[in-house]
Amino acid sequence: MKEYWNKRFMSEGLIWGEQPSETAYHAKELFLKHHQDSSSPRSRLR
């Protein structure tokens, strides 16, 4: 399996692209909804 991905990366450069998937955006919203801690430094990144 590792050989497949290495060959694909070498021939195409990027495998998944540079933009987050729709699933990543959905996961972010769920995380923010359920982890609202205003004292966390990460909460300021929203």
PDB file of N, CA and C in Angstrom:
ATOM      1  N   MET A   1       0.821  -1.186   0.000  1.00  0.00           N
ATOM      2  CA  MET A   1       0.000   0.000   0.000  1.00  0.00           C
ATOM      3  C   MET A   1       0.872   1.260   0.000  1.00  0.00           C
ATOM      4  N   LYS A   2       1.910   1.268   0.829  1.00  0.00           N
ATOM      5  CA  LYS A   2       2.789   2.430   0.910  1.00  0.00           C
ATOM      6  C   LYS A   2       3.418   2.734  -0.454  1.00  0.00           C
ATOM      7  N   GLU A   3       3.791   1.691  -1.167  1.00  0.00           N
ATOM      8  CA  GLU A   3       4.399   1.868  -2.485  1.00  0.00           C
ATOM      9  C   GLU A   3       3.435   2.561  -3.453  1.00  0.00           C
ATOM     10  N   TYR A   4       2.164   2.180  -3.405  1.00  0.00           N
ATOM     11  CA  TYR A   4       1.144   2.805  -4.264  1.00  0.00           C
ATOM     12  C   TYR A   4       1.091   4.313  -4.021  1.00  0.00           C
ATOM     13  N   TRP A   5       0.986   4.721  -2.748  1.00  0.00           N
ATOM     14  CA  TRP A   5       0.858   6.149  -2.432  1.00  0.00           C
ATOM     15  C   TRP A   5       2.138   6.907  -2.763  1.00  0.00           C
ATOM     16  N   ASN A   6       3.286   6.283  -2.542  1.00  0.00           N
ATOM     17  CA  ASN A   6       4.544   6.936  -2.899  1.00  0.00           C
ATOM     18  C   ASN A   6       4.627   7.177  -4.404  1.00  0.00           C
ATOM     19  N   LYS A   7       4.255   6.168  -5.202  1.00  0.00           N
ATOM     20  CA  LYS A   7       4.274   6.329  -6.660  1.00  0.00           C
ATOM     21  C   LYS A   7       3.285   7.398  -7.107  1.00  0.00           C
ATOM     22  N   ARG A   8       2.107   7.380  -6.519  1.00  0.00           N
ATOM     23  CA  ARG A   8       1.093   8.369  -6.893  1.00  0.00           C
ATOM     24  C   ARG A   8       1.561   9.779  -6.543  1.00  0.00           C
ATOM     25  N   PHE A   9       2.150   9.958  -5.377  1.00  0.00           N
ATOM     26  CA  PHE A   9       2.653  11.270  -4.992  1.00  0.00           C
ATOM     27  C   PHE A   9       3.756  11.727  -5.934  1.00  0.00           C
ATOM     28  N   MET A  10       4.641  10.825  -6.274  1.00  0.00           N
ATOM     29  CA  MET A  10       5.752  11.192  -7.173  1.00  0.00           C
ATOM     30  C   MET A  10       5.250  11.591  -8.555  1.00  0.00           C
ATOM     31  N   SER A  11       4.185  10.965  -9.037  1.00  0.00           N
ATOM     32  CA  SER A  11       3.693  11.279 -10.379  1.00  0.00           C
ATOM     33  C   SER A  11       2.735  12.470 -10.393  1.00  0.00           C
ATOM     34  N   GLU A  12       1.976  12.695  -9.309  1.00  0.00           N
ATOM     35  CA  GLU A  12       0.966  13.754  -9.308  1.00  0.00           C
ATOM     36  C   GLU A  12       1.312  14.949  -8.432  1.00  0.00           C
ATOM     37  N   GLY A  13       2.249  14.775  -7.522  1.00  0.00           N
ATOM     38  CA  GLY A  13       2.580  15.863  -6.606  1.00  0.00           C
ATOM     39  C   GLY A  13       1.647  15.866  -5.408  1.00  0.00           C
ATOM     40  N   LEU A  14       0.465  16.380  -5.577  1.00  0.00           N
ATOM     41  CA  LEU A  14      -0.520  16.386  -4.500  1.00  0.00           C
ATOM     42  C   LEU A  14      -1.463  15.212  -4.667  1.00  0.00           C
ATOM     43  N   ILE A  15      -1.830  14.602  -3.567  1.00  0.00           N
ATOM     44  CA  ILE A  15      -2.755  13.481  -3.632  1.00  0.00           C
ATOM     45  C   ILE A  15      -4.163  13.940  -3.302  1.00  0.00           C
ATOM     46  N   TRP A  16      -4.307  14.706  -2.227  1.00  0.00           N
ATOM     47  CA  TRP A  16      -5.643  15.077  -1.748  1.00  0.00           C
ATOM     48  C   TRP A  16      -6.039  16.498  -2.111  1.00  0.00           C
ATOM     49  N   GLY A  17      -5.120  17.314  -2.568  1.00  0.00           N
ATOM     50  CA  GLY A  17      -5.431  18.703  -2.859  1.00  0.00           C
ATOM     51  C   GLY A  17      -5.041  19.602  -1.702  1.00  0.00           C
ATOM     52  N   GLU A  18      -5.281  20.887  -1.870  1.00  0.00           N
ATOM     53  CA  GLU A  18      -4.864  21.856  -0.863  1.00  0.00           C
ATOM     54  C   GLU A  18      -6.011  22.371  -0.002  1.00  0.00           C
ATOM     55  N   GLN A  19      -7.237  22.135  -0.383  1.00  0.00           N
ATOM     56  CA  GLN A  19      -8.384  22.640   0.353  1.00  0.00           C
ATOM     57  C   GLN A  19      -8.981  21.563   1.249  1.00  0.00           C
ATOM     58  N   PRO A  20      -9.493  21.970   2.425  1.00  0.00           N
ATOM     59  CA  PRO A  20     -10.156  20.992   3.298  1.00  0.00           C
ATOM     60  C   PRO A  20     -11.409  20.429   2.634  1.00  0.00           C
ATOM     61  N   SER A  21     -11.762  19.226   2.980  1.00  0.00           N
ATOM     62  CA  SER A  21     -12.978  18.609   2.449  1.00  0.00           C
ATOM     63  C   SER A  21     -14.201  19.158   3.177  1.00  0.00           C
ATOM     64  N   GLU A  22     -15.371  18.913   2.626  1.00  0.00           N
ATOM     65  CA  GLU A  22     -16.611  19.304   3.291  1.00  0.00           C
ATOM     66  C   GLU A  22     -16.723  18.615   4.648  1.00  0.00           C
ATOM     67  N   THR A  23     -16.217  17.397   4.730  1.00  0.00           N
ATOM     68  CA  THR A  23     -16.237  16.662   5.991  1.00  0.00           C
ATOM     69  C   THR A  23     -15.399  17.369   7.050  1.00  0.00           C
ATOM     70  N   ALA A  24     -14.280  17.937   6.654  1.00  0.00           N
ATOM     71  CA  ALA A  24     -13.431  18.668   7.607  1.00  0.00           C
ATOM     72  C   ALA A  24     -14.165  19.882   8.155  1.00  0.00           C
ATOM     73  N   TYR A  25     -14.891  20.595   7.296  1.00  0.00           N
ATOM     74  CA  TYR A  25     -15.660  21.750   7.763  1.00  0.00           C
ATOM     75  C   TYR A  25     -16.760  21.318   8.732  1.00  0.00           C
ATOM     76  N   HIS A  26     -17.401  20.212   8.432  1.00  0.00           N
ATOM     77  CA  HIS A  26     -18.453  19.700   9.303  1.00  0.00           C
ATOM     78  C   HIS A  26     -17.865  19.282  10.660  1.00  0.00           C
ATOM     79  N   ALA A  27     -16.734  18.612  10.634  1.00  0.00           N
ATOM     80  CA  ALA A  27     -16.076  18.195  11.872  1.00  0.00           C
ATOM     81  C   ALA A  27     -15.690  19.413  12.708  1.00  0.00           C
ATOM     82  N   LYS A  28     -15.220  20.464  12.051  1.00  0.00           N
ATOM     83  CA  LYS A  28     -14.860  21.690  12.768  1.00  0.00           C
ATOM     84  C   LYS A  28     -16.076  22.272  13.478  1.00  0.00           C
ATOM     85  N   GLU A  29     -17.199  22.349  12.787  1.00  0.00           N
ATOM     86  CA  GLU A  29     -18.418  22.886  13.395  1.00  0.00           C
ATOM     87  C   GLU A  29     -18.864  22.048  14.586  1.00  0.00           C
ATOM     88  N   LEU A  30     -18.805  20.737  14.461  1.00  0.00           N
ATOM     89  CA  LEU A  30     -19.175  19.872  15.582  1.00  0.00           C
ATOM     90  C   LEU A  30     -18.226  20.064  16.760  1.00  0.00           C
ATOM     91  N   PHE A  31     -16.951  20.154  16.472  1.00  0.00           N
ATOM     92  CA  PHE A  31     -15.971  20.360  17.533  1.00  0.00           C
ATOM     93  C   PHE A  31     -16.236  21.671  18.259  1.00  0.00           C
ATOM     94  N   LEU A  32     -16.436  22.745  17.500  1.00  0.00           N
ATOM     95  CA  LEU A  32     -16.679  24.042  18.124  1.00  0.00           C
ATOM     96  C   LEU A  32     -17.972  24.046  18.929  1.00  0.00           C
ATOM     97  N   LYS A  33     -18.971  23.347  18.446  1.00  0.00           N
ATOM     98  CA  LYS A  33     -20.253  23.280  19.141  1.00  0.00           C
ATOM     99  C   LYS A  33     -20.121  22.576  20.490  1.00  0.00           C
ATOM    100  N   HIS A  34     -19.310  21.545  20.549  1.00  0.00           N
ATOM    101  CA  HIS A  34     -19.226  20.718  21.745  1.00  0.00           C
ATOM    102  C   HIS A  34     -18.007  21.000  22.623  1.00  0.00           C
ATOM    103  N   HIS A  35     -17.155  21.918  22.205  1.00  0.00           N
ATOM    104  CA  HIS A  35     -15.950  22.244  22.977  1.00  0.00           C
ATOM    105  C   HIS A  35     -15.807  23.749  23.102  1.00  0.00           C
ATOM    106  N   GLN A  36     -16.804  24.386  23.635  1.00  0.00           N
ATOM    107  CA  GLN A  36     -16.799  25.831  23.808  1.00  0.00           C
ATOM    108  C   GLN A  36     -16.099  26.200  25.117  1.00  0.00           C
ATOM    109  N   ASP A  37     -14.807  26.370  25.085  1.00  0.00           N
ATOM    110  CA  ASP A  37     -14.038  26.760  26.264  1.00  0.00           C
ATOM    111  C   ASP A  37     -13.354  28.079  25.959  1.00  0.00           C
ATOM    112  N   SER A  38     -13.929  29.160  26.438  1.00  0.00           N
ATOM    113  CA  SER A  38     -13.407  30.497  26.110  1.00  0.00           C
ATOM    114  C   SER A  38     -12.048  30.766  26.712  1.00  0.00           C
ATOM    115  N   SER A  39     -11.616  29.964  27.690  1.00  0.00           N
ATOM    116  CA  SER A  39     -10.296  30.185  28.289  1.00  0.00           C
ATOM    117  C   SER A  39      -9.186  29.564  27.443  1.00  0.00           C
ATOM    118  N   SER A  40      -9.570  28.746  26.475  1.00  0.00           N
ATOM    119  CA  SER A  40      -8.568  28.089  25.636  1.00  0.00           C
ATOM    120  C   SER A  40      -8.021  29.061  24.598  1.00  0.00           C
ATOM    121  N   PRO A  41      -6.697  29.085  24.406  1.00  0.00           N
ATOM    122  CA  PRO A  41      -6.119  29.953  23.358  1.00  0.00           C
ATOM    123  C   PRO A  41      -6.662  29.626  21.972  1.00  0.00           C
ATOM    124  N   ARG A  42      -7.020  28.365  21.736  1.00  0.00           N
ATOM    125  CA  ARG A  42      -7.538  27.978  20.424  1.00  0.00           C
ATOM    126  C   ARG A  42      -8.916  28.553  20.150  1.00  0.00           C
ATOM    127  N   SER A  43      -9.658  28.876  21.200  1.00  0.00           N
ATOM    128  CA  SER A  43     -11.010  29.404  20.990  1.00  0.00           C
ATOM    129  C   SER A  43     -10.955  30.759  20.311  1.00  0.00           C
ATOM    130  N   ARG A  44      -9.832  31.432  20.403  1.00  0.00           N
ATOM    131  CA  ARG A  44      -9.686  32.738  19.755  1.00  0.00           C
ATOM    132  C   ARG A  44      -9.411  32.623  18.261  1.00  0.00           C
ATOM    133  N   LEU A  45      -9.188  31.424  17.763  1.00  0.00           N
ATOM    134  CA  LEU A  45      -8.876  31.228  16.355  1.00  0.00           C
ATOM    135  C   LEU A  45     -10.120  31.201  15.476  1.00  0.00           C
ATOM    136  N   ARG A  46     -11.293  31.204  16.063  1.00  0.00           N
ATOM    137  CA  ARG A  46     -12.519  31.099  15.282  1.00  0.00           C
ATOM    138  C   ARG A  46     -12.769  32.297  14.440  1.00  0.00           C
TER     139      ARG A  46
END
